[in-house]
PDB file of N, CA and C in Angstrom:
ATOM      1  N   MET A   1      -1.465   3.657   2.994  1.00  0.00           N
ATOM      2  CA  MET A   1      -1.091   4.258   1.737  1.00  0.00           C
ATOM      3  C   MET A   1      -1.322   5.755   1.838  1.00  0.00           C
ATOM      4  N   ASN A   2      -0.318   6.531   1.518  1.00  0.00           N
ATOM      5  CA  ASN A   2      -0.439   7.983   1.482  1.00  0.00           C
ATOM      6  C   ASN A   2      -0.961   8.409   0.120  1.00  0.00           C
ATOM      7  N   ILE A   3      -1.831   9.393   0.122  1.00  0.00           N
ATOM      8  CA  ILE A   3      -2.353   9.927  -1.128  1.00  0.00           C
ATOM      9  C   ILE A   3      -2.160  11.429  -1.101  1.00  0.00           C
ATOM     10  N   TYR A   4      -1.651  11.955  -2.174  1.00  0.00           N
ATOM     11  CA  TYR A   4      -1.450  13.398  -2.297  1.00  0.00           C
ATOM     12  C   TYR A   4      -2.135  13.847  -3.564  1.00  0.00           C
ATOM     13  N   SER A   5      -2.971  14.845  -3.481  1.00  0.00           N
ATOM     14  CA  SER A   5      -3.611  15.370  -4.681  1.00  0.00           C
ATOM     15  C   SER A   5      -3.611  16.891  -4.612  1.00  0.00           C
ATOM     16  N   ASP A   6      -3.547  17.500  -5.766  1.00  0.00           N
ATOM     17  CA  ASP A   6      -3.505  18.958  -5.832  1.00  0.00           C
ATOM     18  C   ASP A   6      -3.959  19.374  -7.225  1.00  0.00           C
ATOM     19  N   TYR A   7      -4.628  20.500  -7.329  1.00  0.00           N
ATOM     20  CA  TYR A   7      -4.992  21.053  -8.616  1.00  0.00           C
ATOM     21  C   TYR A   7      -3.913  22.048  -9.018  1.00  0.00           C
ATOM     22  N   VAL A   8      -3.429  21.927 -10.243  1.00  0.00           N
ATOM     23  CA  VAL A   8      -2.396  22.832 -10.737  1.00  0.00           C
ATOM     24  C   VAL A   8      -2.810  23.361 -12.100  1.00  0.00           C
ATOM     25  N   ASP A   9      -2.314  24.540 -12.434  1.00  0.00           N
ATOM     26  CA  ASP A   9      -2.499  25.098 -13.765  1.00  0.00           C
ATOM     27  C   ASP A   9      -1.279  24.727 -14.593  1.00  0.00           C
ATOM     28  N   ILE A  10      -1.490  24.080 -15.714  1.00  0.00           N
ATOM     29  CA  ILE A  10      -0.392  23.689 -16.591  1.00  0.00           C
ATOM     30  C   ILE A  10      -0.139  24.856 -17.544  1.00  0.00           C
ATOM     31  N   LYS A  11       1.036  25.467 -17.414  1.00  0.00           N
ATOM     32  CA  LYS A  11       1.362  26.651 -18.208  1.00  0.00           C
ATOM     33  C   LYS A  11       2.450  26.375 -19.239  1.00  0.00           C
ATOM     34  N   ASN A  12       3.201  25.295 -19.084  1.00  0.00           N
ATOM     35  CA  ASN A  12       4.215  24.931 -20.071  1.00  0.00           C
ATOM     36  C   ASN A  12       4.364  23.419 -20.071  1.00  0.00           C
ATOM     37  N   ASP A  13       5.494  22.915 -20.508  1.00  0.00           N
ATOM     38  CA  ASP A  13       5.646  21.473 -20.648  1.00  0.00           C
ATOM     39  C   ASP A  13       6.266  20.790 -19.430  1.00  0.00           C
ATOM     40  N   GLN A  14       6.235  21.436 -18.268  1.00  0.00           N
ATOM     41  CA  GLN A  14       6.784  20.844 -17.054  1.00  0.00           C
ATOM     42  C   GLN A  14       5.868  21.098 -15.867  1.00  0.00           C
ATOM     43  N   ILE A  15       5.849  20.139 -14.958  1.00  0.00           N
ATOM     44  CA  ILE A  15       5.131  20.287 -13.689  1.00  0.00           C
ATOM     45  C   ILE A  15       6.101  19.921 -12.578  1.00  0.00           C
ATOM     46  N   THR A  16       6.231  20.781 -11.590  1.00  0.00           N
ATOM     47  CA  THR A  16       7.068  20.499 -10.427  1.00  0.00           C
ATOM     48  C   THR A  16       6.153  20.178  -9.262  1.00  0.00           C
ATOM     49  N   ILE A  17       6.411  19.050  -8.608  1.00  0.00           N
ATOM     50  CA  ILE A  17       5.579  18.612  -7.496  1.00  0.00           C
ATOM     51  C   ILE A  17       6.377  18.735  -6.206  1.00  0.00           C
ATOM     52  N   SER A  18       5.870  19.490  -5.263  1.00  0.00           N
ATOM     53  CA  SER A  18       6.493  19.617  -3.946  1.00  0.00           C
ATOM     54  C   SER A  18       5.602  18.903  -2.942  1.00  0.00           C
ATOM     55  N   PHE A  19       6.092  17.789  -2.405  1.00  0.00           N
ATOM     56  CA  PHE A  19       5.312  17.009  -1.459  1.00  0.00           C
ATOM     57  C   PHE A  19       5.430  17.594  -0.057  1.00  0.00           C
ATOM     58  N   PRO A  20       4.414  17.384   0.793  1.00  0.00           N
ATOM     59  CA  PRO A  20       4.480  17.846   2.181  1.00  0.00           C
ATOM     60  C   PRO A  20       5.604  17.140   2.937  1.00  0.00           C
ATOM     61  N   VAL A  21       6.073  17.774   3.994  1.00  0.00           N
ATOM     62  CA  VAL A  21       7.125  17.195   4.829  1.00  0.00           C
ATOM     63  C   VAL A  21       6.624  15.882   5.429  1.00  0.00           C
ATOM     64  N   GLY A  22       7.454  14.852   5.403  1.00  0.00           N
ATOM     65  CA  GLY A  22       7.088  13.563   5.972  1.00  0.00           C
ATOM     66  C   GLY A  22       6.307  12.669   5.031  1.00  0.00           C
ATOM     67  N   PHE A  23       6.073  13.126   3.796  1.00  0.00           N
ATOM     68  CA  PHE A  23       5.342  12.291   2.845  1.00  0.00           C
ATOM     69  C   PHE A  23       6.220  11.131   2.416  1.00  0.00           C
ATOM     70  N   TYR A  24       5.605  10.034   2.046  1.00  0.00           N
ATOM     71  CA  TYR A  24       6.282   8.800   1.642  1.00  0.00           C
ATOM     72  C   TYR A  24       7.364   9.079   0.606  1.00  0.00           C
ATOM     73  N   ARG A  25       8.502   8.452   0.813  1.00  0.00           N
ATOM     74  CA  ARG A  25       9.596   8.536  -0.161  1.00  0.00           C
ATOM     75  C   ARG A  25       9.766   7.164  -0.797  1.00  0.00           C
ATOM     76  N   GLY A  26       9.840   7.105  -2.083  1.00  0.00           N
ATOM     77  CA  GLY A  26       9.988   5.844  -2.795  1.00  0.00           C
ATOM     78  C   GLY A  26       9.227   5.904  -4.108  1.00  0.00           C
ATOM     79  N   LYS A  27       8.852   4.761  -4.615  1.00  0.00           N
ATOM     80  CA  LYS A  27       8.142   4.698  -5.893  1.00  0.00           C
ATOM     81  C   LYS A  27       6.680   5.098  -5.711  1.00  0.00           C
ATOM     82  N   ALA A  28       6.143   5.715  -6.757  1.00  0.00           N
ATOM     83  CA  ALA A  28       4.738   6.135  -6.720  1.00  0.00           C
ATOM     84  C   ALA A  28       4.168   6.084  -8.126  1.00  0.00           C
ATOM     85  N   LEU A  29       2.882   5.983  -8.209  1.00  0.00           N
ATOM     86  CA  LEU A  29       2.174   6.031  -9.485  1.00  0.00           C
ATOM     87  C   LEU A  29       1.658   7.448  -9.674  1.00  0.00           C
ATOM     88  N   LEU A  30       2.001   8.067 -10.765  1.00  0.00           N
ATOM     89  CA  LEU A  30       1.569   9.424 -11.052  1.00  0.00           C
ATOM     90  C   LEU A  30       0.534   9.380 -12.158  1.00  0.00           C
ATOM     91  N   GLU A  31      -0.653   9.892 -11.880  1.00  0.00           N
ATOM     92  CA  GLU A  31      -1.710   9.965 -12.882  1.00  0.00           C
ATOM     93  C   GLU A  31      -2.100  11.425 -13.046  1.00  0.00           C
ATOM     94  N   ILE A  32      -2.201  11.862 -14.273  1.00  0.00           N
ATOM     95  CA  ILE A  32      -2.589  13.245 -14.543  1.00  0.00           C
ATOM     96  C   ILE A  32      -3.893  13.215 -15.318  1.00  0.00           C
ATOM     97  N   ASN A  33      -4.924  13.824 -14.740  1.00  0.00           N
ATOM     98  CA  ASN A  33      -6.233  13.912 -15.378  1.00  0.00           C
ATOM     99  C   ASN A  33      -6.496  15.367 -15.723  1.00  0.00           C
ATOM    100  N   THR A  34      -6.894  15.618 -16.950  1.00  0.00           N
ATOM    101  CA  THR A  34      -7.191  16.987 -17.342  1.00  0.00           C
ATOM    102  C   THR A  34      -8.601  17.362 -16.906  1.00  0.00           C
ATOM    103  N   ILE A  35      -8.774  18.621 -16.651  1.00  0.00           N
ATOM    104  CA  ILE A  35     -10.077  19.157 -16.268  1.00  0.00           C
ATOM    105  C   ILE A  35     -10.422  20.228 -17.288  1.00  0.00           C
ATOM    106  N   SER A  36     -11.511  20.018 -18.022  1.00  0.00           N
ATOM    107  CA  SER A  36     -11.880  21.012 -19.029  1.00  0.00           C
ATOM    108  C   SER A  36     -12.385  22.271 -18.344  1.00  0.00           C
ATOM    109  N   GLU A  37     -12.292  23.358 -19.044  1.00  0.00           N
ATOM    110  CA  GLU A  37     -12.655  24.662 -18.489  1.00  0.00           C
ATOM    111  C   GLU A  37     -14.121  24.747 -18.077  1.00  0.00           C
ATOM    112  N   ASP A  38     -15.000  24.010 -18.749  1.00  0.00           N
ATOM    113  CA  ASP A  38     -16.420  24.078 -18.404  1.00  0.00           C
ATOM    114  C   ASP A  38     -16.744  23.342 -17.111  1.00  0.00           C
ATOM    115  N   LYS A  39     -15.769  22.633 -16.536  1.00  0.00           N
ATOM    116  CA  LYS A  39     -15.984  21.942 -15.278  1.00  0.00           C
ATOM    117  C   LYS A  39     -15.362  22.705 -14.113  1.00  0.00           C
ATOM    118  N   SER A  40     -15.261  24.016 -14.207  1.00  0.00           N
ATOM    119  CA  SER A  40     -14.665  24.809 -13.135  1.00  0.00           C
ATOM    120  C   SER A  40     -15.490  24.708 -11.854  1.00  0.00           C
ATOM    121  N   GLU A  41     -16.805  24.442 -11.985  1.00  0.00           N
ATOM    122  CA  GLU A  41     -17.633  24.239 -10.801  1.00  0.00           C
ATOM    123  C   GLU A  41     -17.173  23.020 -10.019  1.00  0.00           C
ATOM    124  N   THR A  42     -16.787  21.971 -10.726  1.00  0.00           N
ATOM    125  CA  THR A  42     -16.311  20.759 -10.078  1.00  0.00           C
ATOM    126  C   THR A  42     -15.080  21.060  -9.247  1.00  0.00           C
ATOM    127  N   MET A  43     -14.181  21.873  -9.765  1.00  0.00           N
ATOM    128  CA  MET A  43     -12.973  22.235  -9.049  1.00  0.00           C
ATOM    129  C   MET A  43     -13.322  23.059  -7.808  1.00  0.00           C
ATOM    130  N   SER A  44     -14.241  24.005  -7.938  1.00  0.00           N
ATOM    131  CA  SER A  44     -14.628  24.815  -6.781  1.00  0.00           C
ATOM    132  C   SER A  44     -15.369  23.964  -5.756  1.00  0.00           C
ATOM    133  N   ASP A  45     -16.145  22.967  -6.219  1.00  0.00           N
ATOM    134  CA  ASP A  45     -16.807  22.051  -5.291  1.00  0.00           C
ATOM    135  C   ASP A  45     -15.784  21.274  -4.479  1.00  0.00           C
ATOM    136  N   ALA A  46     -14.720  20.826  -5.145  1.00  0.00           N
ATOM    137  CA  ALA A  46     -13.670  20.086  -4.447  1.00  0.00           C
ATOM    138  C   ALA A  46     -12.979  20.979  -3.416  1.00  0.00           C
ATOM    139  N   ILE A  47     -12.762  22.228  -3.771  1.00  0.00           N
ATOM    140  CA  ILE A  47     -12.132  23.164  -2.839  1.00  0.00           C
ATOM    141  C   ILE A  47     -13.054  23.420  -1.656  1.00  0.00           C
ATOM    142  N   ASN A  48     -14.357  23.587  -1.919  1.00  0.00           N
ATOM    143  CA  ASN A  48     -15.316  23.794  -0.831  1.00  0.00           C
ATOM    144  C   ASN A  48     -15.406  22.571   0.074  1.00  0.00           C
ATOM    145  N   ARG A  49     -15.350  21.365  -0.517  1.00  0.00           N
ATOM    146  CA  ARG A  49     -15.357  20.132   0.268  1.00  0.00           C
ATOM    147  C   ARG A  49     -14.138  20.077   1.182  1.00  0.00           C
ATOM    148  N   ASP A  50     -12.996  20.498   0.652  1.00  0.00           N
ATOM    149  CA  ASP A  50     -11.763  20.504   1.439  1.00  0.00           C
ATOM    150  C   ASP A  50     -11.882  21.501   2.593  1.00  0.00           C
ATOM    151  N   LYS A  51     -12.436  22.672   2.317  1.00  0.00           N
ATOM    152  CA  LYS A  51     -12.625  23.674   3.379  1.00  0.00           C
ATOM    153  C   LYS A  51     -13.586  23.157   4.443  1.00  0.00           C
ATOM    154  N   PHE A  52     -14.667  22.474   4.017  1.00  0.00           N
ATOM    155  CA  PHE A  52     -15.634  21.930   4.958  1.00  0.00           C
ATOM    156  C   PHE A  52     -14.996  20.851   5.816  1.00  0.00           C
ATOM    157  N   SER A  53     -14.167  20.009   5.189  1.00  0.00           N
ATOM    158  CA  SER A  53     -13.468  18.959   5.925  1.00  0.00           C
ATOM    159  C   SER A  53     -12.568  19.564   7.001  1.00  0.00           C
ATOM    160  N   LYS A  54     -11.837  20.610   6.642  1.00  0.00           N
ATOM    161  CA  LYS A  54     -10.966  21.270   7.611  1.00  0.00           C
ATOM    162  C   LYS A  54     -11.785  21.903   8.732  1.00  0.00           C
ATOM    163  N   LEU A  55     -12.952  22.448   8.397  1.00  0.00           N
ATOM    164  CA  LEU A  55     -13.827  23.036   9.410  1.00  0.00           C
ATOM    165  C   LEU A  55     -14.314  21.977  10.390  1.00  0.00           C
ATOM    166  N   LEU A  56     -14.683  20.801   9.885  1.00  0.00           N
ATOM    167  CA  LEU A  56     -15.138  19.728  10.764  1.00  0.00           C
ATOM    168  C   LEU A  56     -14.024  19.244  11.684  1.00  0.00           C
ATOM    169  N   LEU A  57     -12.804  19.244  11.190  1.00  0.00           N
ATOM    170  CA  LEU A  57     -11.684  18.796  12.003  1.00  0.00           C
ATOM    171  C   LEU A  57     -11.342  19.785  13.115  1.00  0.00           C
ATOM    172  N   GLN A  58     -11.843  21.014  13.029  1.00  0.00           N
ATOM    173  CA  GLN A  58     -11.592  22.012  14.059  1.00  0.00           C
ATOM    174  C   GLN A  58     -12.556  21.880  15.234  1.00  0.00           C
ATOM    175  N   ARG A  59     -13.505  20.961  15.142  1.00  0.00           N
ATOM    176  CA  ARG A  59     -14.485  20.764  16.210  1.00  0.00           C
ATOM    177  C   ARG A  59     -13.772  20.333  17.486  1.00  0.00           C
ATOM    178  N   PRO A  60     -14.250  20.788  18.635  1.00  0.00           N
ATOM    179  CA  PRO A  60     -13.638  20.361  19.895  1.00  0.00           C
ATOM    180  C   PRO A  60     -13.623  18.839  20.017  1.00  0.00           C
ATOM    181  N   SER A  61     -12.572  18.311  20.600  1.00  0.00           N
ATOM    182  CA  SER A  61     -12.434  16.858  20.666  1.00  0.00           C
ATOM    183  C   SER A  61     -13.182  16.240  21.841  1.00  0.00           C
ATOM    184  N   GLN A  62     -13.748  17.052  22.719  1.00  0.00           N
ATOM    185  CA  GLN A  62     -14.485  16.516  23.866  1.00  0.00           C
ATOM    186  C   GLN A  62     -15.967  16.815  23.717  1.00  0.00           C
ATOM    187  N   LEU A  63     -16.773  15.845  24.114  1.00  0.00           N
ATOM    188  CA  LEU A  63     -18.221  16.032  24.074  1.00  0.00           C
ATOM    189  C   LEU A  63     -18.674  16.760  25.322  1.00  0.00           C
ATOM    190  N   THR A  64     -19.736  17.554  25.180  1.00  0.00           N
ATOM    191  CA  THR A  64     -20.310  18.221  26.342  1.00  0.00           C
ATOM    192  C   THR A  64     -21.152  17.225  27.126  1.00  0.00           C
ATOM    193  N   LYS A  65     -21.529  17.587  28.340  1.00  0.00           N
ATOM    194  CA  LYS A  65     -22.365  16.693  29.166  1.00  0.00           C
ATOM    195  C   LYS A  65     -23.705  16.435  28.500  1.00  0.00           C
ATOM    196  N   ASP A  66     -24.265  17.467  27.852  1.00  0.00           N
ATOM    197  CA  ASP A  66     -25.550  17.301  27.160  1.00  0.00           C
ATOM    198  C   ASP A  66     -25.424  16.326  25.988  1.00  0.00           C
ATOM    199  N   GLU A  67     -24.324  16.403  25.236  1.00  0.00           N
ATOM    200  CA  GLU A  67     -24.119  15.496  24.115  1.00  0.00           C
ATOM    201  C   GLU A  67     -23.958  14.050  24.595  1.00  0.00           C
ATOM    202  N   ILE A  68     -23.252  13.866  25.688  1.00  0.00           N
ATOM    203  CA  ILE A  68     -23.070  12.530  26.253  1.00  0.00           C
ATOM    204  C   ILE A  68     -24.407  11.966  26.724  1.00  0.00           C
ATOM    205  N   LEU A  69     -25.208  12.788  27.414  1.00  0.00           N
ATOM    206  CA  LEU A  69     -26.517  12.363  27.899  1.00  0.00           C
ATOM    207  C   LEU A  69     -27.441  12.016  26.733  1.00  0.00           C
ATOM    208  N   ASN A  70     -27.418  12.847  25.684  1.00  0.00           N
ATOM    209  CA  ASN A  70     -28.247  12.587  24.511  1.00  0.00           C
ATOM    210  C   ASN A  70     -27.836  11.274  23.849  1.00  0.00           C
ATOM    211  N   PHE A  71     -26.544  11.025  23.718  1.00  0.00           N
ATOM    212  CA  PHE A  71     -26.058   9.776  23.136  1.00  0.00           C
ATOM    213  C   PHE A  71     -26.492   8.580  23.976  1.00  0.00           C
ATOM    214  N   LYS A  72     -26.401   8.693  25.292  1.00  0.00           N
ATOM    215  CA  LYS A  72     -26.806   7.600  26.184  1.00  0.00           C
ATOM    216  C   LYS A  72     -28.296   7.325  26.056  1.00  0.00           C
ATOM    217  N   ASN A  73     -29.102   8.383  26.006  1.00  0.00           N
ATOM    218  CA  ASN A  73     -30.548   8.213  25.861  1.00  0.00           C
ATOM    219  C   ASN A  73     -30.898   7.530  24.540  1.00  0.00           C
ATOM    220  N   LEU A  74     -30.246   7.930  23.470  1.00  0.00           N
ATOM    221  CA  LEU A  74     -30.493   7.292  22.170  1.00  0.00           C
ATOM    222  C   LEU A  74     -30.055   5.828  22.185  1.00  0.00           C
ATOM    223  N   SER A  75     -28.929   5.562  22.830  1.00  0.00           N
ATOM    224  CA  SER A  75     -28.442   4.188  22.920  1.00  0.00           C
ATOM    225  C   SER A  75     -29.411   3.311  23.698  1.00  0.00           C
ATOM    226  N   ASP A  76     -29.918   3.831  24.809  1.00  0.00           N
ATOM    227  CA  ASP A  76     -30.903   3.083  25.599  1.00  0.00           C
ATOM    228  C   ASP A  76     -32.173   2.836  24.802  1.00  0.00           C
ATOM    229  N   TRP A  77     -32.627   3.845  24.084  1.00  0.00           N
ATOM    230  CA  TRP A  77     -33.839   3.728  23.277  1.00  0.00           C
ATOM    231  C   TRP A  77     -33.665   2.673  22.191  1.00  0.00           C
ATOM    232  N   MET A  78     -32.482   2.667  21.526  1.00  0.00           N
ATOM    233  CA  MET A  78     -32.233   1.691  20.469  1.00  0.00           C
ATOM    234  C   MET A  78     -32.138   0.267  21.024  1.00  0.00           C
ATOM    235  N   SER A  79     -31.621   0.115  22.242  1.00  0.00           N
ATOM    236  CA  SER A  79     -31.495  -1.235  22.808  1.00  0.00           C
ATOM    237  C   SER A  79     -32.861  -1.796  23.203  1.00  0.00           C
ATOM    238  N   GLU A  80     -33.860  -0.952  23.387  1.00  0.00           N
ATOM    239  CA  GLU A  80     -35.216  -1.411  23.715  1.00  0.00           C
ATOM    240  C   GLU A  80     -35.955  -1.904  22.468  1.00  0.00           C
ATOM    241  N   TRP A  81     -35.505  -1.494  21.301  1.00  0.00           N
ATOM    242  CA  TRP A  81     -36.196  -1.815  20.054  1.00  0.00           C
ATOM    243  C   TRP A  81     -36.054  -3.311  19.788  1.00  0.00           C
ATOM    244  N   ASN A  82     -37.178  -3.973  19.548  1.00  0.00           N
ATOM    245  CA  ASN A  82     -37.180  -5.404  19.282  1.00  0.00           C
ATOM    246  C   ASN A  82     -37.970  -5.648  18.013  1.00  0.00           C
ATOM    247  N   PRO A  83     -37.291  -5.768  16.877  1.00  0.00           N
ATOM    248  CA  PRO A  83     -38.007  -5.895  15.622  1.00  0.00           C
ATOM    249  C   PRO A  83     -38.661  -7.248  15.397  1.00  0.00           C
ATOM    250  N   GLY A  84     -38.329  -8.238  16.180  1.00  0.00           N
ATOM    251  CA  GLY A  84     -38.883  -9.575  15.965  1.00  0.00           C
ATOM    252  C   GLY A  84     -38.140 -10.303  14.875  1.00  0.00           C
ATOM    253  N   LYS A  85     -38.707 -11.399  14.428  1.00  0.00           N
ATOM    254  CA  LYS A  85     -38.058 -12.189  13.385  1.00  0.00           C
ATOM    255  C   LYS A  85     -38.596 -11.790  12.022  1.00  0.00           C
ATOM    256  N   PHE A  86     -37.732 -11.882  11.023  1.00  0.00           N
ATOM    257  CA  PHE A  86     -38.138 -11.554   9.663  1.00  0.00           C
ATOM    258  C   PHE A  86     -38.527 -12.798   8.941  1.00  0.00           C
TER     259      PHE A  86
END
């Protein structure tokens, strides 16, 4: 399921939605939720979350040798753990 969300300023009685290229074509459910002016922090939090998400996605896709070794050591340590029966 594709989900598209965007914050818009409603200035008159119409909203035009431009979907990204390749977005699903067909029927969709449109829900409009108002955001009161005193919740502007919530909107900025959502924008900051989006920026943070994009920053995390920019991380290199390959692990370094140290990261691989650290993961292996942790995995070995966890496999030695024997909690017994509860």
